[in-house]
PDB file of N, CA and C in Angstrom:
ATOM      1  N   UNK A   1      20.601   8.722 -23.888  1.00  0.00           N
ATOM      2  CA  UNK A   1      21.459   7.790 -24.597  1.00  0.00           C
ATOM      3  C   UNK A   1      20.592   6.713 -25.234  1.00  0.00           C
ATOM      4  N   UNK A   2      20.842   6.419 -26.476  1.00  0.00           N
ATOM      5  CA  UNK A   2      20.058   5.430 -27.216  1.00  0.00           C
ATOM      6  C   UNK A   2      20.447   4.016 -26.803  1.00  0.00           C
ATOM      7  N   UNK A   3      19.472   3.138 -26.901  1.00  0.00           N
ATOM      8  CA  UNK A   3      19.703   1.731 -26.577  1.00  0.00           C
ATOM      9  C   UNK A   3      20.137   1.004 -27.833  1.00  0.00           C
ATOM     10  N   UNK A   4      21.199   0.223 -27.736  1.00  0.00           N
ATOM     11  CA  UNK A   4      21.694  -0.503 -28.902  1.00  0.00           C
ATOM     12  C   UNK A   4      20.785  -1.685 -29.216  1.00  0.00           C
ATOM     13  N   UNK A   5      20.864  -2.180 -30.428  1.00  0.00           N
ATOM     14  CA  UNK A   5      20.060  -3.338 -30.827  1.00  0.00           C
ATOM     15  C   UNK A   5      20.426  -4.556 -29.990  1.00  0.00           C
ATOM     16  N   UNK A   6      21.686  -4.669 -29.614  1.00  0.00           N
ATOM     17  CA  UNK A   6      22.116  -5.785 -28.775  1.00  0.00           C
ATOM     18  C   UNK A   6      21.461  -5.703 -27.407  1.00  0.00           C
ATOM     19  N   UNK A   7      21.397  -4.516 -26.849  1.00  0.00           N
ATOM     20  CA  UNK A   7      20.744  -4.334 -25.549  1.00  0.00           C
ATOM     21  C   UNK A   7      19.254  -4.637 -25.654  1.00  0.00           C
ATOM     22  N   UNK A   8      18.614  -4.180 -26.718  1.00  0.00           N
ATOM     23  CA  UNK A   8      17.193  -4.441 -26.923  1.00  0.00           C
ATOM     24  C   UNK A   8      16.923  -5.935 -27.014  1.00  0.00           C
ATOM     25  N   UNK A   9      17.776  -6.661 -27.734  1.00  0.00           N
ATOM     26  CA  UNK A   9      17.608  -8.114 -27.855  1.00  0.00           C
ATOM     27  C   UNK A   9      17.778  -8.793 -26.502  1.00  0.00           C
ATOM     28  N   UNK A  10      18.734  -8.320 -25.721  1.00  0.00           N
ATOM     29  CA  UNK A  10      18.968  -8.912 -24.404  1.00  0.00           C
ATOM     30  C   UNK A  10      17.752  -8.700 -23.501  1.00  0.00           C
ATOM     31  N   UNK A  11      17.169  -7.512 -23.543  1.00  0.00           N
ATOM     32  CA  UNK A  11      15.980  -7.229 -22.737  1.00  0.00           C
ATOM     33  C   UNK A  11      14.815  -8.089 -23.202  1.00  0.00           C
ATOM     34  N   UNK A  12      14.613  -8.194 -24.504  1.00  0.00           N
ATOM     35  CA  UNK A  12      13.528  -9.023 -25.038  1.00  0.00           C
ATOM     36  C   UNK A  12      13.698 -10.484 -24.628  1.00  0.00           C
ATOM     37  N   UNK A  13      14.914 -10.981 -24.666  1.00  0.00           N
ATOM     38  CA  UNK A  13      15.172 -12.367 -24.262  1.00  0.00           C
ATOM     39  C   UNK A  13      14.867 -12.563 -22.779  1.00  0.00           C
ATOM     40  N   UNK A  14      15.304 -11.623 -21.952  1.00  0.00           N
ATOM     41  CA  UNK A  14      15.038 -11.706 -20.519  1.00  0.00           C
ATOM     42  C   UNK A  14      13.536 -11.714 -20.254  1.00  0.00           C
ATOM     43  N   UNK A  15      12.819 -10.779 -20.859  1.00  0.00           N
ATOM     44  CA  UNK A  15      11.373 -10.671 -20.649  1.00  0.00           C
ATOM     45  C   UNK A  15      10.682 -11.951 -21.107  1.00  0.00           C
ATOM     46  N   UNK A  16      11.070 -12.481 -22.255  1.00  0.00           N
ATOM     47  CA  UNK A  16      10.394 -13.672 -22.776  1.00  0.00           C
ATOM     48  C   UNK A  16      10.639 -14.912 -21.921  1.00  0.00           C
ATOM     49  N   UNK A  17      11.748 -14.951 -21.183  1.00  0.00           N
ATOM     50  CA  UNK A  17      12.015 -16.119 -20.347  1.00  0.00           C
ATOM     51  C   UNK A  17      11.539 -15.959 -18.908  1.00  0.00           C
ATOM     52  N   UNK A  18      11.282 -14.734 -18.467  1.00  0.00           N
ATOM     53  CA  UNK A  18      10.915 -14.498 -17.066  1.00  0.00           C
ATOM     54  C   UNK A  18       9.481 -14.028 -16.842  1.00  0.00           C
ATOM     55  N   UNK A  19       8.769 -13.736 -17.902  1.00  0.00           N
ATOM     56  CA  UNK A  19       7.415 -13.208 -17.768  1.00  0.00           C
ATOM     57  C   UNK A  19       6.459 -13.902 -18.734  1.00  0.00           C
ATOM     58  N   UNK A  20       5.212 -13.994 -18.341  1.00  0.00           N
ATOM     59  CA  UNK A  20       4.143 -14.448 -19.226  1.00  0.00           C
ATOM     60  C   UNK A  20       3.357 -13.223 -19.657  1.00  0.00           C
ATOM     61  N   UNK A  21       2.795 -13.292 -20.835  1.00  0.00           N
ATOM     62  CA  UNK A  21       1.972 -12.195 -21.339  1.00  0.00           C
ATOM     63  C   UNK A  21       0.542 -12.678 -21.497  1.00  0.00           C
ATOM     64  N   UNK A  22      -0.390 -11.785 -21.199  1.00  0.00           N
ATOM     65  CA  UNK A  22      -1.809 -12.055 -21.382  1.00  0.00           C
ATOM     66  C   UNK A  22      -2.376 -10.899 -22.198  1.00  0.00           C
ATOM     67  N   UNK A  23      -3.075 -11.222 -23.259  1.00  0.00           N
ATOM     68  CA  UNK A  23      -3.754 -10.190 -24.037  1.00  0.00           C
ATOM     69  C   UNK A  23      -5.130 -10.006 -23.424  1.00  0.00           C
ATOM     70  N   UNK A  24      -5.478  -8.781 -23.140  1.00  0.00           N
ATOM     71  CA  UNK A  24      -6.723  -8.469 -22.451  1.00  0.00           C
ATOM     72  C   UNK A  24      -7.588  -7.603 -23.358  1.00  0.00           C
ATOM     73  N   UNK A  25      -8.818  -8.028 -23.585  1.00  0.00           N
ATOM     74  CA  UNK A  25      -9.752  -7.271 -24.401  1.00  0.00           C
ATOM     75  C   UNK A  25     -10.865  -6.752 -23.506  1.00  0.00           C
ATOM     76  N   UNK A  26     -11.194  -5.472 -23.685  1.00  0.00           N
ATOM     77  CA  UNK A  26     -12.226  -4.859 -22.853  1.00  0.00           C
ATOM     78  C   UNK A  26     -13.020  -3.871 -23.692  1.00  0.00           C
ATOM     79  N   UNK A  27     -14.170  -3.454 -23.192  1.00  0.00           N
ATOM     80  CA  UNK A  27     -14.983  -2.489 -23.938  1.00  0.00           C
ATOM     81  C   UNK A  27     -14.227  -1.178 -24.172  1.00  0.00           C
ATOM     82  N   UNK A  28     -14.534  -0.535 -25.279  1.00  0.00           N
ATOM     83  CA  UNK A  28     -13.909   0.740 -25.614  1.00  0.00           C
ATOM     84  C   UNK A  28     -14.124   1.734 -24.475  1.00  0.00           C
ATOM     85  N   UNK A  29     -13.076   2.453 -24.126  1.00  0.00           N
ATOM     86  CA  UNK A  29     -13.148   3.447 -23.066  1.00  0.00           C
ATOM     87  C   UNK A  29     -12.727   2.926 -21.702  1.00  0.00           C
ATOM     88  N   UNK A  30     -12.791   1.624 -21.497  1.00  0.00           N
ATOM     89  CA  UNK A  30     -12.445   1.036 -20.194  1.00  0.00           C
ATOM     90  C   UNK A  30     -10.960   1.230 -19.878  1.00  0.00           C
ATOM     91  N   UNK A  31     -10.114   1.146 -20.904  1.00  0.00           N
ATOM     92  CA  UNK A  31      -8.683   1.316 -20.690  1.00  0.00           C
ATOM     93  C   UNK A  31      -8.383   2.692 -20.106  1.00  0.00           C
ATOM     94  N   UNK A  32      -9.043   3.721 -20.622  1.00  0.00           N
ATOM     95  CA  UNK A  32      -8.818   5.078 -20.116  1.00  0.00           C
ATOM     96  C   UNK A  32      -9.230   5.214 -18.656  1.00  0.00           C
ATOM     97  N   UNK A  33     -10.312   4.559 -18.281  1.00  0.00           N
ATOM     98  CA  UNK A  33     -10.779   4.583 -16.892  1.00  0.00           C
ATOM     99  C   UNK A  33      -9.767   3.885 -15.987  1.00  0.00           C
ATOM    100  N   UNK A  34      -9.279   2.740 -16.434  1.00  0.00           N
ATOM    101  CA  UNK A  34      -8.281   1.987 -15.662  1.00  0.00           C
ATOM    102  C   UNK A  34      -6.996   2.794 -15.535  1.00  0.00           C
ATOM    103  N   UNK A  35      -6.565   3.407 -16.619  1.00  0.00           N
ATOM    104  CA  UNK A  35      -5.338   4.216 -16.590  1.00  0.00           C
ATOM    105  C   UNK A  35      -5.477   5.386 -15.629  1.00  0.00           C
ATOM    106  N   UNK A  36      -6.628   6.043 -15.647  1.00  0.00           N
ATOM    107  CA  UNK A  36      -6.853   7.167 -14.743  1.00  0.00           C
ATOM    108  C   UNK A  36      -6.770   6.713 -13.288  1.00  0.00           C
ATOM    109  N   UNK A  37      -7.341   5.567 -12.980  1.00  0.00           N
ATOM    110  CA  UNK A  37      -7.298   5.059 -11.598  1.00  0.00           C
ATOM    111  C   UNK A  37      -5.871   4.667 -11.208  1.00  0.00           C
ATOM    112  N   UNK A  38      -5.171   4.018 -12.107  1.00  0.00           N
ATOM    113  CA  UNK A  38      -3.783   3.649 -11.839  1.00  0.00           C
ATOM    114  C   UNK A  38      -2.942   4.904 -11.593  1.00  0.00           C
ATOM    115  N   UNK A  39      -3.162   5.932 -12.401  1.00  0.00           N
ATOM    116  CA  UNK A  39      -2.444   7.195 -12.217  1.00  0.00           C
ATOM    117  C   UNK A  39      -2.737   7.804 -10.848  1.00  0.00           C
ATOM    118  N   UNK A  40      -4.006   7.761 -10.425  1.00  0.00           N
ATOM    119  CA  UNK A  40      -4.375   8.286  -9.100  1.00  0.00           C
ATOM    120  C   UNK A  40      -3.590   7.592  -7.999  1.00  0.00           C
ATOM    121  N   UNK A  41      -3.338   6.306  -8.193  1.00  0.00           N
ATOM    122  CA  UNK A  41      -2.632   5.514  -7.188  1.00  0.00           C
ATOM    123  C   UNK A  41      -1.119   5.545  -7.371  1.00  0.00           C
ATOM    124  N   UNK A  42      -0.661   6.240  -8.413  1.00  0.00           N
ATOM    125  CA  UNK A  42       0.772   6.319  -8.675  1.00  0.00           C
ATOM    126  C   UNK A  42       1.343   5.020  -9.205  1.00  0.00           C
ATOM    127  N   UNK A  43       0.530   4.256  -9.920  1.00  0.00           N
ATOM    128  CA  UNK A  43       0.959   2.969 -10.451  1.00  0.00           C
ATOM    129  C   UNK A  43       0.832   2.957 -11.967  1.00  0.00           C
ATOM    130  N   UNK A  44       1.556   2.046 -12.584  1.00  0.00           N
ATOM    131  CA  UNK A  44       1.348   1.797 -14.006  1.00  0.00           C
ATOM    132  C   UNK A  44       0.085   0.951 -14.143  1.00  0.00           C
ATOM    133  N   UNK A  45      -0.469   0.918 -15.336  1.00  0.00           N
ATOM    134  CA  UNK A  45      -1.639   0.075 -15.580  1.00  0.00           C
ATOM    135  C   UNK A  45      -1.281  -1.380 -15.292  1.00  0.00           C
ATOM    136  N   UNK A  46      -0.113  -1.807 -15.721  1.00  0.00           N
ATOM    137  CA  UNK A  46       0.328  -3.180 -15.490  1.00  0.00           C
ATOM    138  C   UNK A  46       0.399  -3.501 -13.996  1.00  0.00           C
ATOM    139  N   UNK A  47       1.026  -2.611 -13.233  1.00  0.00           N
ATOM    140  CA  UNK A  47       1.148  -2.833 -11.790  1.00  0.00           C
ATOM    141  C   UNK A  47      -0.228  -2.849 -11.125  1.00  0.00           C
ATOM    142  N   UNK A  48      -1.099  -1.962 -11.541  1.00  0.00           N
ATOM    143  CA  UNK A  48      -2.449  -1.886 -10.980  1.00  0.00           C
ATOM    144  C   UNK A  48      -3.221  -3.179 -11.224  1.00  0.00           C
ATOM    145  N   UNK A  49      -3.226  -3.642 -12.448  1.00  0.00           N
ATOM    146  CA  UNK A  49      -3.955  -4.873 -12.776  1.00  0.00           C
ATOM    147  C   UNK A  49      -3.342  -6.069 -12.050  1.00  0.00           C
ATOM    148  N   UNK A  50      -2.018  -6.150 -12.036  1.00  0.00           N
ATOM    149  CA  UNK A  50      -1.366  -7.259 -11.330  1.00  0.00           C
ATOM    150  C   UNK A  50      -1.704  -7.248  -9.845  1.00  0.00           C
ATOM    151  N   UNK A  51      -1.741  -6.055  -9.234  1.00  0.00           N
ATOM    152  CA  UNK A  51      -2.073  -5.968  -7.806  1.00  0.00           C
ATOM    153  C   UNK A  51      -3.506  -6.437  -7.548  1.00  0.00           C
ATOM    154  N   UNK A  52      -4.431  -5.993  -8.388  1.00  0.00           N
ATOM    155  CA  UNK A  52      -5.824  -6.412  -8.217  1.00  0.00           C
ATOM    156  C   UNK A  52      -5.971  -7.929  -8.330  1.00  0.00           C
ATOM    157  N   UNK A  53      -5.318  -8.504  -9.289  1.00  0.00           N
ATOM    158  CA  UNK A  53      -5.388  -9.960  -9.473  1.00  0.00           C
ATOM    159  C   UNK A  53      -4.755 -10.671  -8.281  1.00  0.00           C
ATOM    160  N   UNK A  54      -3.592 -10.213  -7.846  1.00  0.00           N
ATOM    161  CA  UNK A  54      -2.912 -10.834  -6.702  1.00  0.00           C
ATOM    162  C   UNK A  54      -3.764 -10.761  -5.443  1.00  0.00           C
ATOM    163  N   UNK A  55      -4.386  -9.603  -5.208  1.00  0.00           N
ATOM    164  CA  UNK A  55      -5.244  -9.456  -4.024  1.00  0.00           C
ATOM    165  C   UNK A  55      -6.441 -10.396  -4.103  1.00  0.00           C
ATOM    166  N   UNK A  56      -7.049 -10.528  -5.266  1.00  0.00           N
ATOM    167  CA  UNK A  56      -8.190 -11.424  -5.425  1.00  0.00           C
ATOM    168  C   UNK A  56      -7.771 -12.875  -5.209  1.00  0.00           C
ATOM    169  N   UNK A  57      -6.640 -13.269  -5.762  1.00  0.00           N
ATOM    170  CA  UNK A  57      -6.168 -14.645  -5.587  1.00  0.00           C
ATOM    171  C   UNK A  57      -5.855 -14.930  -4.119  1.00  0.00           C
ATOM    172  N   UNK A  58      -5.273 -13.964  -3.431  1.00  0.00           N
ATOM    173  CA  UNK A  58      -4.977 -14.136  -2.001  1.00  0.00           C
ATOM    174  C   UNK A  58      -6.263 -14.282  -1.203  1.00  0.00           C
ATOM    175  N   UNK A  59      -7.261 -13.437  -1.504  1.00  0.00           N
ATOM    176  CA  UNK A  59      -8.563 -13.563  -0.812  1.00  0.00           C
ATOM    177  C   UNK A  59      -9.185 -14.924  -1.057  1.00  0.00           C
ATOM    178  N   UNK A  60      -9.078 -15.415  -2.270  1.00  0.00           N
ATOM    179  CA  UNK A  60      -9.700 -16.705  -2.578  1.00  0.00           C
ATOM    180  C   UNK A  60      -8.989 -17.840  -1.847  1.00  0.00           C
ATOM    181  N   UNK A  61      -7.685 -17.690  -1.627  1.00  0.00           N
ATOM    182  CA  UNK A  61      -6.935 -18.723  -0.894  1.00  0.00           C
ATOM    183  C   UNK A  61      -7.308 -18.716   0.585  1.00  0.00           C
ATOM    184  N   UNK A  62      -7.504 -17.533   1.154  1.00  0.00           N
ATOM    185  CA  UNK A  62      -7.776 -17.458   2.587  1.00  0.00           C
ATOM    186  C   UNK A  62      -9.247 -17.689   2.909  1.00  0.00           C
ATOM    187  N   UNK A  63     -10.116 -17.397   1.965  1.00  0.00           N
ATOM    188  CA  UNK A  63     -11.548 -17.551   2.215  1.00  0.00           C
ATOM    189  C   UNK A  63     -12.164 -18.764   1.529  1.00  0.00           C
ATOM    190  N   UNK A  64     -11.367 -19.475   0.759  1.00  0.00           N
ATOM    191  CA  UNK A  64     -11.863 -20.594  -0.036  1.00  0.00           C
ATOM    192  C   UNK A  64     -13.049 -20.167  -0.891  1.00  0.00           C
ATOM    193  N   UNK A  65     -13.021 -18.911  -1.359  1.00  0.00           N
ATOM    194  CA  UNK A  65     -14.101 -18.397  -2.212  1.00  0.00           C
ATOM    195  C   UNK A  65     -13.856 -18.812  -3.651  1.00  0.00           C
ATOM    196  N   UNK A  66     -14.910 -18.975  -4.405  1.00  0.00           N
ATOM    197  CA  UNK A  66     -14.728 -19.331  -5.820  1.00  0.00           C
ATOM    198  C   UNK A  66     -14.202 -18.162  -6.625  1.00  0.00           C
TER     199      UNK A  66
END
C-alpha cells in the first residue's frame, strides 16, 4: 500500500522534532565495511553507529576517560 503525501509529511514532521541529524563523511569504501559489519550483527547502519557511540559515551562516564 502506498503512503499518502499527508502521511509522509506527518512522518517528516515527527522525525524533525524528535531526532537530530548528523552528516558523517568518511573515506571511500568505509561505508561498505561498516554496512557489512552491521549486517553481520543484524543491525542497520544507523543502529550500529548509534550503539557504538552510546557504548563509548557510557565508558567515558564510568571511567572518566577523555
